[in-house]
Amino acid sequence: MQQENTFAERVLNFYENNPGWASGDMVITSPWTEPDRRNAITEFYQKFFSDNQSRTYVLGINPGRFNATSTGIPYTDGQALECTYGIANPFSKSREMVATFIEKVVIAYGGSEAFYSEHYAGAVFPFEVLVRGEYRNYYEADVWENLRSAILDCLKKMAGFGSNRRVVILGSADNKRYFDELNAEVGLFEVAGVLDHPRYIMQYKRDHVDDYVASYVDVLRSAA
């Protein structure tokens, strides 16, 4: 079917129409509701996704607690956004482990334009989940029970941004298991690769980061 707008516009429309919500002790927070993050998200997607190219998706879990370094753009801190992606921003330039690793992957891939022309990096559920003020993963039992239909709805909408149907999953355990359950129901994606999560690599395999970066690049090039 012919798409009438760009990949960037579809992403931004999704965020604009999904501002987050609360249900009992659970709060679902979108980065779009905070002006600096909204501006960063808008500039990033307009810079790298103002086209109708289809892309391989790279999906981790839901984002962690938004803090001073968090840009609202998946796997990207203020330092990476400014120095590697060329977008000035007001966020702290202290480093985040996941953002540091993904930045290395993007550079090794050939740079931000090369990487993002072929990949959309996001999450199975792209919103922060808090229960009584504590960060939770989307697949934890009580969260999953309450959010499964919302997660599935988000996955369908995200596929509509411009998926080429291939996906690389970040996290070989629970994220892969729960993604597979959702995907079996709707058949949106073909899993083209599964990679260890960047946080695991940076916490427990730091001496082998270069090897993991090379492995990421190999899998992502093949999946694209």
Protein backbone atom coordinates (compact mmCIF):
# COMPACT_ATOMS: atom_id res chain seq x y z
CA MET A 1 0.00 0.00 0.00
CA GLN A 2 1.28 3.46 -0.91
CA GLN A 3 2.39 5.49 2.10
CA GLU A 4 1.37 9.13 1.96
CA ASN A 5 3.78 10.51 4.55
CA THR A 6 7.29 9.86 5.79
CA PHE A 7 8.65 7.40 8.30
CA ALA A 8 9.49 10.36 10.55
CA GLU A 9 5.95 11.73 10.41
CA ARG A 10 4.49 8.37 11.33
CA VAL A 11 6.83 8.06 14.34
CA LEU A 12 6.04 11.57 15.53
CA ASN A 13 2.30 11.08 15.06
CA PHE A 14 2.53 7.93 17.15
CA TYR A 15 4.21 9.77 20.03
CA GLU A 16 1.84 12.71 19.78
CA ASN A 17 -1.18 10.42 20.00
CA ASN A 18 0.21 8.27 22.83
CA PRO A 19 1.02 10.69 25.66
CA GLY A 20 0.99 8.10 28.45
CA TRP A 21 -1.60 7.29 31.07
CA ALA A 22 -2.15 6.09 34.62
CA SER A 23 -4.03 3.05 35.91
CA GLY A 24 -4.12 2.51 39.65
CA ASP A 25 -0.55 2.24 40.95
CA MET A 26 0.83 2.01 37.40
CA VAL A 27 1.98 5.04 35.43
CA ILE A 28 2.94 4.86 31.75
CA THR A 29 5.15 7.82 30.81
CA SER A 30 5.99 9.07 27.34
CA PRO A 31 9.07 11.21 26.63
CA TRP A 32 6.87 13.27 24.31
CA THR A 33 5.23 15.06 27.25
CA GLU A 34 8.48 16.85 28.21
CA PRO A 35 9.35 19.79 25.88
CA ASP A 36 13.13 19.24 25.62
CA ARG A 37 12.67 15.56 24.83
CA ARG A 38 9.86 16.31 22.40
CA ASN A 39 12.14 18.75 20.56
CA ALA A 40 15.01 16.24 20.48
CA ILE A 41 12.78 13.42 19.24
CA THR A 42 11.34 15.64 16.53
CA GLU A 43 14.72 16.84 15.27
CA PHE A 44 16.23 13.35 15.36
CA TYR A 45 13.50 11.66 13.33
CA GLN A 46 13.20 14.52 10.88
CA LYS A 47 16.97 14.37 10.33
CA PHE A 48 17.32 10.63 9.79
CA PHE A 49 13.87 9.33 8.82
CA SER A 50 12.32 11.90 6.44
CA ASP A 51 11.80 9.32 3.71
CA ASN A 52 9.66 6.34 2.84
CA GLN A 53 12.37 3.69 3.12
CA SER A 54 11.46 0.51 4.95
CA ARG A 55 13.80 -0.51 7.76
CA THR A 56 14.84 -3.45 9.90
CA TYR A 57 13.65 -2.95 13.47
CA VAL A 58 15.93 -3.34 16.49
CA LEU A 59 13.77 -3.84 19.58
CA GLY A 60 14.76 -3.94 23.22
CA ILE A 61 12.54 -3.74 26.29
CA ASN A 62 10.74 -0.61 27.49
CA PRO A 63 12.95 2.42 28.31
CA GLY A 64 14.31 2.91 31.82
CA ARG A 65 13.61 5.74 34.18
CA PHE A 66 13.96 9.09 32.40
CA ASN A 67 16.75 11.13 33.97
CA ALA A 68 18.99 14.09 33.17
CA THR A 69 20.90 12.26 30.42
CA SER A 70 17.84 10.68 28.78
CA THR A 71 16.95 12.24 25.45
CA GLY A 72 13.76 10.27 24.84
CA ILE A 73 15.41 8.75 21.75
CA PRO A 74 16.04 5.03 22.29
CA TYR A 75 19.62 4.11 23.26
CA THR A 76 20.82 7.71 22.95
CA ASP A 77 22.16 10.01 25.67
CA GLY A 78 22.93 13.71 25.39
CA GLN A 79 26.57 13.10 24.50
CA ALA A 80 25.81 10.74 21.62
CA LEU A 81 23.00 12.95 20.35
CA GLU A 82 25.30 15.95 20.10
CA CYS A 83 28.66 14.47 19.12
CA THR A 84 27.70 11.51 16.93
CA TYR A 85 24.23 12.45 15.65
CA GLY A 86 24.94 16.16 15.28
CA ILE A 87 21.99 17.48 17.28
CA ALA A 88 22.67 20.12 19.95
CA ASN A 89 20.67 19.53 23.10
CA PRO A 90 20.34 20.64 26.75
CA PHE A 91 20.71 17.18 28.30
CA SER A 92 23.52 16.17 30.64
CA LYS A 93 26.55 14.85 28.81
CA SER A 94 27.22 12.19 31.44
CA ARG A 95 27.34 8.81 29.76
CA GLU A 96 24.78 6.01 29.90
CA MET A 97 26.09 2.48 29.43
CA VAL A 98 23.57 1.40 26.81
CA ALA A 99 23.89 4.64 24.84
CA THR A 100 27.68 4.34 24.88
CA PHE A 101 27.56 0.82 23.46
CA ILE A 102 24.99 1.59 20.76
CA GLU A 103 26.99 4.69 19.77
CA LYS A 104 30.00 2.42 19.19
CA VAL A 105 27.84 0.15 17.04
CA VAL A 106 26.51 3.06 14.98
CA ILE A 107 30.02 4.40 14.37
CA ALA A 108 31.33 0.93 13.44
CA TYR A 109 28.38 0.50 11.08
CA GLY A 110 29.49 3.55 9.12
CA GLY A 111 27.89 6.39 11.04
CA SER A 112 24.44 7.63 11.94
CA GLU A 113 23.15 8.19 8.40
CA ALA A 114 24.23 4.74 7.26
CA PHE A 115 22.80 3.05 10.34
CA TYR A 116 19.46 4.82 10.56
CA SER A 117 18.81 4.63 6.84
CA GLU A 118 18.53 0.86 7.33
CA HIS A 119 17.38 0.44 10.95
CA TYR A 120 14.77 1.71 13.35
CA ALA A 121 15.97 1.25 16.93
CA GLY A 122 13.21 1.11 19.50
CA ALA A 123 11.49 -1.09 22.07
CA VAL A 124 8.77 -3.71 22.18
CA PHE A 125 6.95 -1.24 24.44
CA PRO A 126 8.37 2.28 23.92
CA PHE A 127 7.19 3.85 27.18
CA GLU A 128 8.49 4.01 30.73
CA VAL A 129 6.50 1.83 33.16
CA LEU A 130 6.39 2.82 36.82
CA VAL A 131 4.55 0.91 39.55
CA ARG A 132 4.35 2.85 42.81
CA GLY A 133 7.22 4.98 41.53
CA GLU A 134 9.54 2.05 40.70
CA TYR A 135 10.72 1.22 37.17
CA ARG A 136 9.39 -2.08 35.82
CA ASN A 137 10.02 -4.18 32.73
CA TYR A 138 7.03 -4.70 30.47
CA TYR A 139 7.22 -8.50 30.84
CA GLU A 140 7.03 -8.66 34.64
CA ALA A 141 3.96 -10.68 35.54
CA ASP A 142 1.68 -8.00 36.97
CA VAL A 143 2.70 -5.45 34.33
CA TRP A 144 2.28 -7.94 31.50
CA GLU A 145 -1.16 -8.92 32.75
CA ASN A 146 -2.33 -5.30 32.72
CA LEU A 147 -0.55 -4.05 29.62
CA ARG A 148 -0.47 -6.98 27.19
CA SER A 149 -3.19 -5.58 24.93
CA ALA A 150 -1.62 -2.10 24.97
CA ILE A 151 1.80 -3.57 24.15
CA LEU A 152 0.35 -5.53 21.25
CA ASP A 153 -1.42 -2.42 19.97
CA CYS A 154 1.83 -0.42 20.13
CA LEU A 155 3.69 -3.16 18.28
CA LYS A 156 1.13 -3.08 15.46
CA LYS A 157 1.32 0.71 15.20
CA MET A 158 5.12 0.72 15.23
CA ALA A 159 5.23 -1.88 12.45
CA GLY A 160 3.27 0.65 10.41
CA PHE A 161 6.06 3.21 10.57
CA GLY A 162 7.84 1.40 7.74
CA SER A 163 8.90 -2.08 8.76
CA ASN A 164 10.54 -4.37 6.18
CA ARG A 165 9.24 -7.20 8.44
CA ARG A 166 12.70 -8.11 9.74
CA VAL A 167 13.53 -7.54 13.41
CA VAL A 168 16.58 -7.96 15.60
CA ILE A 169 15.80 -8.53 19.27
CA LEU A 170 18.00 -7.11 22.02
CA GLY A 171 17.93 -9.57 24.91
CA SER A 172 17.96 -13.31 24.39
CA ALA A 173 15.89 -14.26 27.43
CA ASP A 174 12.63 -12.63 28.56
CA ASN A 175 12.45 -9.96 25.86
CA LYS A 176 12.75 -12.59 23.13
CA ARG A 177 10.27 -14.91 24.84
CA TYR A 178 7.55 -12.30 25.28
CA PHE A 179 8.13 -10.72 21.89
CA ASP A 180 7.73 -14.16 20.30
CA GLU A 181 4.39 -14.63 22.07
CA LEU A 182 3.09 -11.33 20.72
CA ASN A 183 4.49 -11.87 17.24
CA ALA A 184 3.00 -15.37 17.03
CA GLU A 185 -0.41 -13.76 17.49
CA VAL A 186 -0.07 -11.10 14.80
CA GLY A 187 2.75 -12.28 12.51
CA LEU A 188 4.28 -8.85 12.01
CA PHE A 189 7.96 -9.75 11.91
CA GLU A 190 10.54 -12.33 10.96
CA VAL A 191 13.22 -12.54 13.65
CA ALA A 192 16.48 -11.96 11.78
CA GLY A 193 18.76 -11.96 14.81
CA VAL A 194 18.95 -12.04 18.59
CA LEU A 195 21.69 -10.14 20.43
CA ASP A 196 22.77 -9.89 24.03
CA HIS A 197 21.41 -6.74 25.64
CA PRO A 198 23.87 -3.81 25.72
CA ARG A 199 23.45 -3.36 29.47
CA TYR A 200 24.51 -6.96 30.07
CA ILE A 201 27.52 -6.47 27.81
CA MET A 202 28.62 -3.23 29.48
CA GLN A 203 28.12 -4.60 33.00
CA TYR A 204 29.53 -8.10 32.65
CA LYS A 205 31.52 -8.33 29.41
CA ARG A 206 33.22 -4.95 29.25
CA ASP A 207 36.60 -6.50 28.42
CA HIS A 208 35.04 -7.88 25.24
CA VAL A 209 33.07 -4.82 24.11
CA ASP A 210 34.89 -4.56 20.78
CA ASP A 211 34.03 -8.17 19.96
CA TYR A 212 30.38 -7.56 20.80
CA VAL A 213 30.32 -4.40 18.68
CA ALA A 214 31.68 -6.37 15.73
CA SER A 215 29.07 -9.09 16.31
CA TYR A 216 26.29 -6.49 16.41
CA VAL A 217 27.46 -4.97 13.15
CA ASP A 218 27.60 -8.37 11.44
CA VAL A 219 24.08 -9.32 12.56
CA LEU A 220 22.60 -5.92 11.75
CA ARG A 221 24.17 -5.79 8.28
CA SER A 222 22.81 -9.25 7.53
CA ALA A 223 19.36 -8.33 8.86
CA ALA A 224 19.20 -5.15 6.77
